[in-house]
C-alpha atoms as a PDB file:
ATOM      1  CA  ILE A   1      -6.667 -66.789 -10.053  1.00  0.00           C
ATOM      2  CA  GLY A   2      -6.459 -64.731  -6.912  1.00  0.00           C
ATOM      3  CA  ASN A   3      -2.789 -63.925  -7.288  1.00  0.00           C
ATOM      4  CA  VAL A   4      -2.076 -60.772  -5.283  1.00  0.00           C
ATOM      5  CA  SER A   5       1.218 -59.014  -4.728  1.00  0.00           C
ATOM      6  CA  ASN A   6       2.218 -55.980  -2.715  1.00  0.00           C
ATOM      7  CA  THR A   7       4.844 -53.484  -3.745  1.00  0.00           C
ATOM      8  CA  ASP A   8       6.206 -50.533  -1.838  1.00  0.00           C
ATOM      9  CA  ILE A   9       6.672 -47.376  -3.880  1.00  0.00           C
ATOM     10  CA  VAL A  10       9.133 -44.789  -2.621  1.00  0.00           C
ATOM     11  CA  LEU A  11       8.508 -41.221  -3.760  1.00  0.00           C
ATOM     12  CA  ASP A  12      11.778 -39.364  -3.379  1.00  0.00           C
ATOM     13  CA  LYS A  13      11.307 -36.715  -6.025  1.00  0.00           C
ATOM     14  CA  LEU A  14       8.631 -34.627  -4.327  1.00  0.00           C
ATOM     15  CA  ASP A  15       8.971 -30.843  -4.566  1.00  0.00           C
ATOM     16  CA  GLN A  16       7.160 -29.185  -1.713  1.00  0.00           C
ATOM     17  CA  ILE A  17       9.557 -26.294  -1.239  1.00  0.00           C
ATOM     18  CA  GLY A  18       9.193 -22.923  -2.949  1.00  0.00           C
ATOM     19  CA  PRO A  19      12.019 -21.212  -4.833  1.00  0.00           C
ATOM     20  CA  VAL A  20      14.914 -19.485  -3.086  1.00  0.00           C
ATOM     21  CA  ILE A  21      14.828 -15.680  -3.373  1.00  0.00           C
ATOM     22  CA  GLU A  22      17.838 -13.427  -2.796  1.00  0.00           C
ATOM     23  CA  ALA A  23      17.552  -9.683  -3.351  1.00  0.00           C
ATOM     24  CA  SER A  24      19.952  -6.767  -3.066  1.00  0.00           C
ATOM     25  CA  VAL A  25      19.871  -3.045  -3.696  1.00  0.00           C
ATOM     26  CA  LEU A  26      22.680  -0.507  -3.986  1.00  0.00           C
ATOM     27  CA  ASP A  27      23.107   1.688  -0.948  1.00  0.00           C
ATOM     28  CA  GLU A  28      23.674   4.801  -3.087  1.00  0.00           C
ATOM     29  CA  TRP A  29      21.437   7.832  -3.545  1.00  0.00           C
ATOM     30  CA  GLY A  30      19.627   8.356  -6.825  1.00  0.00           C
ATOM     31  CA  SER A  31      16.287   9.258  -8.379  1.00  0.00           C
ATOM     32  CA  SER A  32      15.672   5.519  -8.833  1.00  0.00           C
ATOM     33  CA  ASN A  33      17.246   2.302  -7.616  1.00  0.00           C
ATOM     34  CA  ASP A  34      17.676  -1.183  -9.049  1.00  0.00           C
ATOM     35  CA  ILE A  35      16.600  -4.227  -7.073  1.00  0.00           C
ATOM     36  CA  ASN A  36      18.724  -7.195  -8.176  1.00  0.00           C
ATOM     37  CA  ILE A  37      16.822 -10.437  -7.679  1.00  0.00           C
ATOM     38  CA  PHE A  38      18.367 -13.920  -7.827  1.00  0.00           C
ATOM     39  CA  LEU A  39      15.882 -16.801  -8.038  1.00  0.00           C
ATOM     40  CA  ARG A  40      16.675 -20.511  -7.738  1.00  0.00           C
ATOM     41  CA  ASP A  41      14.629 -23.732  -7.741  1.00  0.00           C
ATOM     42  CA  LEU A  42      16.672 -26.888  -8.343  1.00  0.00           C
ATOM     43  CA  LYS A  43      13.737 -29.309  -8.235  1.00  0.00           C
ATOM     44  CA  SER A  44      10.782 -28.535 -10.534  1.00  0.00           C
ATOM     45  CA  GLY A  45      12.267 -25.270 -11.854  1.00  0.00           C
ATOM     46  CA  LEU A  46      11.098 -21.670 -11.871  1.00  0.00           C
ATOM     47  CA  SER A  47       7.770 -20.643 -13.375  1.00  0.00           C
ATOM     48  CA  LYS A  48       7.061 -16.992 -12.546  1.00  0.00           C
ATOM     49  CA  PHE A  49       7.789 -14.092 -10.205  1.00  0.00           C
ATOM     50  CA  SER A  50       6.308 -10.788  -9.100  1.00  0.00           C
ATOM     51  CA  ILE A  51       7.451  -7.688  -7.202  1.00  0.00           C
ATOM     52  CA  SER A  52       5.234  -5.042  -5.623  1.00  0.00           C
ATOM     53  CA  LYS A  53       4.746  -2.873  -2.561  1.00  0.00           C
ATOM     54  CA  SER A  54       1.850  -5.089  -1.437  1.00  0.00           C
ATOM     55  CA  LYS A  55       2.188  -8.003   1.008  1.00  0.00           C
ATOM     56  CA  GLU A  56      -0.687  -9.812  -0.719  1.00  0.00           C
ATOM     57  CA  ILE A  57       0.075 -12.746  -3.008  1.00  0.00           C
ATOM     58  CA  PRO A  58       0.074 -11.172  -6.463  1.00  0.00           C
ATOM     59  CA  THR A  59      -2.475 -11.707  -9.185  1.00  0.00           C
ATOM     60  CA  THR A  60      -0.096 -10.487 -11.898  1.00  0.00           C
ATOM     61  CA  TRP A  61       3.080 -12.467 -12.549  1.00  0.00           C
ATOM     62  CA  GLU A  62       5.985 -12.381 -15.014  1.00  0.00           C
ATOM     63  CA  SER A  63       7.057 -15.659 -16.612  1.00  0.00           C
ATOM     64  CA  ILE A  64      10.533 -17.037 -15.992  1.00  0.00           C
ATOM     65  CA  SER A  65      12.095 -20.447 -16.570  1.00  0.00           C
ATOM     66  CA  GLY A  66      15.052 -22.604 -15.693  1.00  0.00           C
ATOM     67  CA  ALA A  67      16.576 -23.552 -12.364  1.00  0.00           C
ATOM     68  CA  ASN A  68      18.325 -20.198 -11.817  1.00  0.00           C
ATOM     69  CA  THR A  69      17.586 -16.716 -13.076  1.00  0.00           C
ATOM     70  CA  GLN A  70      18.540 -13.155 -12.310  1.00  0.00           C
ATOM     71  CA  VAL A  71      16.150 -10.207 -12.701  1.00  0.00           C
ATOM     72  CA  LYS A  72      16.717  -6.482 -12.263  1.00  0.00           C
ATOM     73  CA  LYS A  73      13.779  -4.193 -11.480  1.00  0.00           C
ATOM     74  CA  THR A  74      14.060  -0.405 -11.340  1.00  0.00           C
ATOM     75  CA  VAL A  75      11.950   1.271  -8.656  1.00  0.00           C
ATOM     76  CA  TYR A  76      11.226   4.965  -8.161  1.00  0.00           C
ATOM     77  CA  GLU A  77       9.874   5.080  -4.598  1.00  0.00           C
ATOM     78  CA  ASN A  78      11.357   4.364  -1.190  1.00  0.00           C
ATOM     79  CA  GLY A  79       9.666   1.643   0.828  1.00  0.00           C
ATOM     80  CA  THR A  80       9.402  -2.085   1.330  1.00  0.00           C
ATOM     81  CA  TYR A  81       9.091  -4.224  -1.815  1.00  0.00           C
ATOM     82  CA  TYR A  82       7.752  -7.781  -1.701  1.00  0.00           C
ATOM     83  CA  ILE A  83       9.135 -10.389  -4.082  1.00  0.00           C
ATOM     84  CA  TYR A  84       7.249 -13.583  -4.886  1.00  0.00           C
ATOM     85  CA  ALA A  85       8.471 -16.579  -6.876  1.00  0.00           C
ATOM     86  CA  MET A  86       6.584 -19.677  -7.991  1.00  0.00           C
ATOM     87  CA  ASP A  87       7.999 -22.984  -9.180  1.00  0.00           C
ATOM     88  CA  ASN A  88       6.499 -25.279 -11.820  1.00  0.00           C
ATOM     89  CA  LEU A  89       4.452 -27.168  -9.191  1.00  0.00           C
ATOM     90  CA  GLY A  90       2.865 -24.024  -7.757  1.00  0.00           C
ATOM     91  CA  ASN A  91       5.021 -23.713  -4.621  1.00  0.00           C
ATOM     92  CA  ILE A  92       5.361 -20.023  -3.723  1.00  0.00           C
ATOM     93  CA  SER A  93       8.098 -18.255  -1.760  1.00  0.00           C
ATOM     94  CA  SER A  94       8.303 -14.637  -0.705  1.00  0.00           C
ATOM     95  CA  SER A  95      10.910 -12.197   0.478  1.00  0.00           C
ATOM     96  CA  SER A  96      11.077  -8.472   1.093  1.00  0.00           C
ATOM     97  CA  ILE A  97      13.660  -5.737   0.701  1.00  0.00           C
ATOM     98  CA  ASN A  98      13.760  -2.127   1.867  1.00  0.00           C
ATOM     99  CA  VAL A  99      14.691   0.657  -0.539  1.00  0.00           C
ATOM    100  CA  ASN A 100      15.535   3.914   1.175  1.00  0.00           C
ATOM    101  CA  HIS A 101      17.987   5.870  -0.976  1.00  0.00           C
ATOM    102  CA  ILE A 102      15.690   7.402  -3.578  1.00  0.00           C
ATOM    103  CA  ASP A 103      15.791  11.203  -3.461  1.00  0.00           C
ATOM    104  CA  THR A 104      13.146  13.001  -5.505  1.00  0.00           C
ATOM    105  CA  TYR A 105      13.358  16.293  -3.602  1.00  0.00           C
ATOM    106  CA  LYS A 106      15.245  19.293  -4.952  1.00  0.00           C
ATOM    107  CA  PRO A 107      17.775  21.057  -2.741  1.00  0.00           C
ATOM    108  CA  VAL A 108      16.336  24.008  -0.825  1.00  0.00           C
ATOM    109  CA  ILE A 109      17.807  27.448  -1.472  1.00  0.00           C
ATOM    110  CA  THR A 110      17.139  29.045   1.890  1.00  0.00           C
ATOM    111  CA  SER A 111      18.459  32.451   0.790  1.00  0.00           C
ATOM    112  CA  LEU A 112      20.153  34.332  -2.050  1.00  0.00           C
ATOM    113  CA  GLU A 113      21.078  37.817  -0.949  1.00  0.00           C
ATOM    114  CA  GLU A 114      23.143  40.805  -1.926  1.00  0.00           C
ATOM    115  CA  GLY A 115      25.722  41.724   0.641  1.00  0.00           C
ATOM    116  CA  SER A 116      28.282  44.441   0.813  1.00  0.00           C
ATOM    117  CA  SER A 117      29.449  46.174  -2.341  1.00  0.00           C
ATOM    118  CA  TYR A 118      32.862  47.484  -3.151  1.00  0.00           C
ATOM    119  CA  GLY A 119      33.260  49.554  -6.275  1.00  0.00           C
ATOM    120  CA  ALA A 120      31.213  48.021  -9.066  1.00  0.00           C
ATOM    121  CA  VAL A 121      31.152  44.589  -7.380  1.00  0.00           C
ATOM    122  CA  VAL A 122      28.425  43.182  -5.113  1.00  0.00           C
ATOM    123  CA  LEU A 123      28.972  40.155  -2.899  1.00  0.00           C
ATOM    124  CA  LEU A 124      26.173  37.572  -3.336  1.00  0.00           C
ATOM    125  CA  THR A 125      25.598  34.929  -0.677  1.00  0.00           C
ATOM    126  CA  ALA A 126      23.563  31.778  -1.260  1.00  0.00           C
ATOM    127  CA  LYS A 127      22.551  29.360   1.496  1.00  0.00           C
ATOM    128  CA  VAL A 128      21.304  25.892   0.584  1.00  0.00           C
ATOM    129  CA  LYS A 129      20.489  22.563   2.209  1.00  0.00           C
ATOM    130  CA  ASP A 130      19.584  19.045   1.156  1.00  0.00           C
ATOM    131  CA  ALA A 131      18.997  16.544   3.960  1.00  0.00           C
ATOM    132  CA  GLU A 132      18.663  13.475   1.734  1.00  0.00           C
ATOM    133  CA  SER A 133      21.330  12.758  -0.877  1.00  0.00           C
ATOM    134  CA  GLY A 134      23.310  15.930  -0.139  1.00  0.00           C
ATOM    135  CA  ILE A 135      24.619  18.908  -2.136  1.00  0.00           C
ATOM    136  CA  VAL A 136      27.383  17.988  -4.607  1.00  0.00           C
ATOM    137  CA  GLY A 137      27.568  20.995  -6.943  1.00  0.00           C
ATOM    138  CA  TYR A 138      26.655  24.626  -7.476  1.00  0.00           C
ATOM    139  CA  LYS A 139      27.034  27.340 -10.095  1.00  0.00           C
ATOM    140  CA  PHE A 140      26.617  31.122 -10.272  1.00  0.00           C
ATOM    141  CA  SER A 141      25.889  32.143 -13.853  1.00  0.00           C
ATOM    142  CA  ASN A 142      24.608  34.947 -16.065  1.00  0.00           C
ATOM    143  CA  SER A 143      22.588  32.403 -18.061  1.00  0.00           C
ATOM    144  CA  SER A 144      19.065  31.205 -17.353  1.00  0.00           C
ATOM    145  CA  THR A 145      20.018  27.826 -18.846  1.00  0.00           C
ATOM    146  CA  ILE A 146      20.847  25.005 -16.429  1.00  0.00           C
ATOM    147  CA  PRO A 147      24.641  24.630 -16.551  1.00  0.00           C
ATOM    148  CA  SER A 148      26.419  21.606 -17.944  1.00  0.00           C
ATOM    149  CA  GLU A 149      29.510  22.261 -15.827  1.00  0.00           C
ATOM    150  CA  TRP A 150      29.361  22.645 -12.050  1.00  0.00           C
ATOM    151  CA  GLU A 151      31.594  23.668  -9.180  1.00  0.00           C
ATOM    152  CA  SER A 152      31.917  20.338  -7.383  1.00  0.00           C
ATOM    153  CA  ILE A 153      32.003  20.006  -3.621  1.00  0.00           C
ATOM    154  CA  ASN A 154      32.230  17.113  -1.185  1.00  0.00           C
ATOM    155  CA  LYS A 155      28.708  15.958  -0.425  1.00  0.00           C
ATOM    156  CA  GLN A 156      27.041  18.159   2.199  1.00  0.00           C
ATOM    157  CA  THR A 157      23.786  17.366   3.986  1.00  0.00           C
ATOM    158  CA  GLU A 158      24.019  20.331   6.363  1.00  0.00           C
ATOM    159  CA  GLU A 159      23.286  23.909   5.281  1.00  0.00           C
ATOM    160  CA  CYS A 160      26.070  25.303   3.042  1.00  0.00           C
ATOM    161  CA  THR A 161      26.963  28.856   2.091  1.00  0.00           C
ATOM    162  CA  PHE A 162      28.403  29.958  -1.268  1.00  0.00           C
ATOM    163  CA  THR A 163      29.551  33.423  -2.290  1.00  0.00           C
ATOM    164  CA  TYR A 164      30.040  35.161  -5.623  1.00  0.00           C
ATOM    165  CA  ASP A 165      31.352  38.556  -6.698  1.00  0.00           C
ATOM    166  CA  ALA A 166      28.740  39.941  -9.105  1.00  0.00           C
ATOM    167  CA  LYS A 167      28.878  43.083 -11.192  1.00  0.00           C
ATOM    168  CA  GLU A 168      26.516  45.811 -10.115  1.00  0.00           C
ATOM    169  CA  ASN A 169      23.104  45.708 -11.858  1.00  0.00           C
ATOM    170  CA  GLU A 170      23.580  42.295 -13.517  1.00  0.00           C
ATOM    171  CA  THR A 171      21.149  39.396 -13.183  1.00  0.00           C
ATOM    172  CA  VAL A 172      22.825  36.379 -11.623  1.00  0.00           C
ATOM    173  CA  TYR A 173      21.367  32.882 -11.565  1.00  0.00           C
ATOM    174  CA  PHE A 174      22.326  30.487  -8.813  1.00  0.00           C
ATOM    175  CA  TYR A 175      22.014  26.736  -9.399  1.00  0.00           C
ATOM    176  CA  VAL A 176      22.532  23.913  -6.930  1.00  0.00           C
ATOM    177  CA  LYS A 177      22.273  20.141  -7.391  1.00  0.00           C
ATOM    178  CA  ASP A 178      22.210  17.155  -5.089  1.00  0.00           C
ATOM    179  CA  ALA A 179      23.741  13.704  -5.468  1.00  0.00           C
ATOM    180  CA  SER A 180      20.549  12.482  -7.192  1.00  0.00           C
ATOM    181  CA  ASN A 181      20.813  15.237  -9.860  1.00  0.00           C
ATOM    182  CA  ASN A 182      17.837  17.170  -8.509  1.00  0.00           C
ATOM    183  CA  ILE A 183      18.418  20.839  -9.352  1.00  0.00           C
ATOM    184  CA  SER A 184      17.113  24.079  -7.833  1.00  0.00           C
ATOM    185  CA  SER A 185      17.696  27.598  -9.068  1.00  0.00           C
ATOM    186  CA  LYS A 186      17.062  31.181  -8.070  1.00  0.00           C
ATOM    187  CA  SER A 187      18.017  34.520  -9.585  1.00  0.00           C
ATOM    188  CA  ILE A 188      18.813  37.924  -8.163  1.00  0.00           C
END
């Protein structure tokens, strides 16, 4: 009776560190962009993650599992996105990434004018600009349908001028597109 012993217990398997978050985004213009997210937690494992434009810890999460996972999220707005990851013990990590190559604006046709005429031909001049993703194609056409084939040009973010020899008294449609496939048109 009265036997007492002491034992030291060493806890070396504690997980007090949140998951590792790595994120990347393509530096190319488009109407959307994919954020590639790599998540890793080699101790208790991954439980869930969230991505939003809010700095606040999320209330809505998506379930994940394992020690490593990769997730791709498509976003449609420029800005800072906040990524949160939680492990199986509730440790939370966060990271952020800036997305700034989403172009949702159509090119601007600053003018489409008739110029000099010679015989039955009228010279048309179109001026356009697109300060974001840049002009990559144009088309003069007699059709009101958006073309499937374009005259390609090297990407231009400064104002560009295009000319076309039109027949007198014909309706001509001018189309222009940017690198994000935003299209503007005007007729004369």
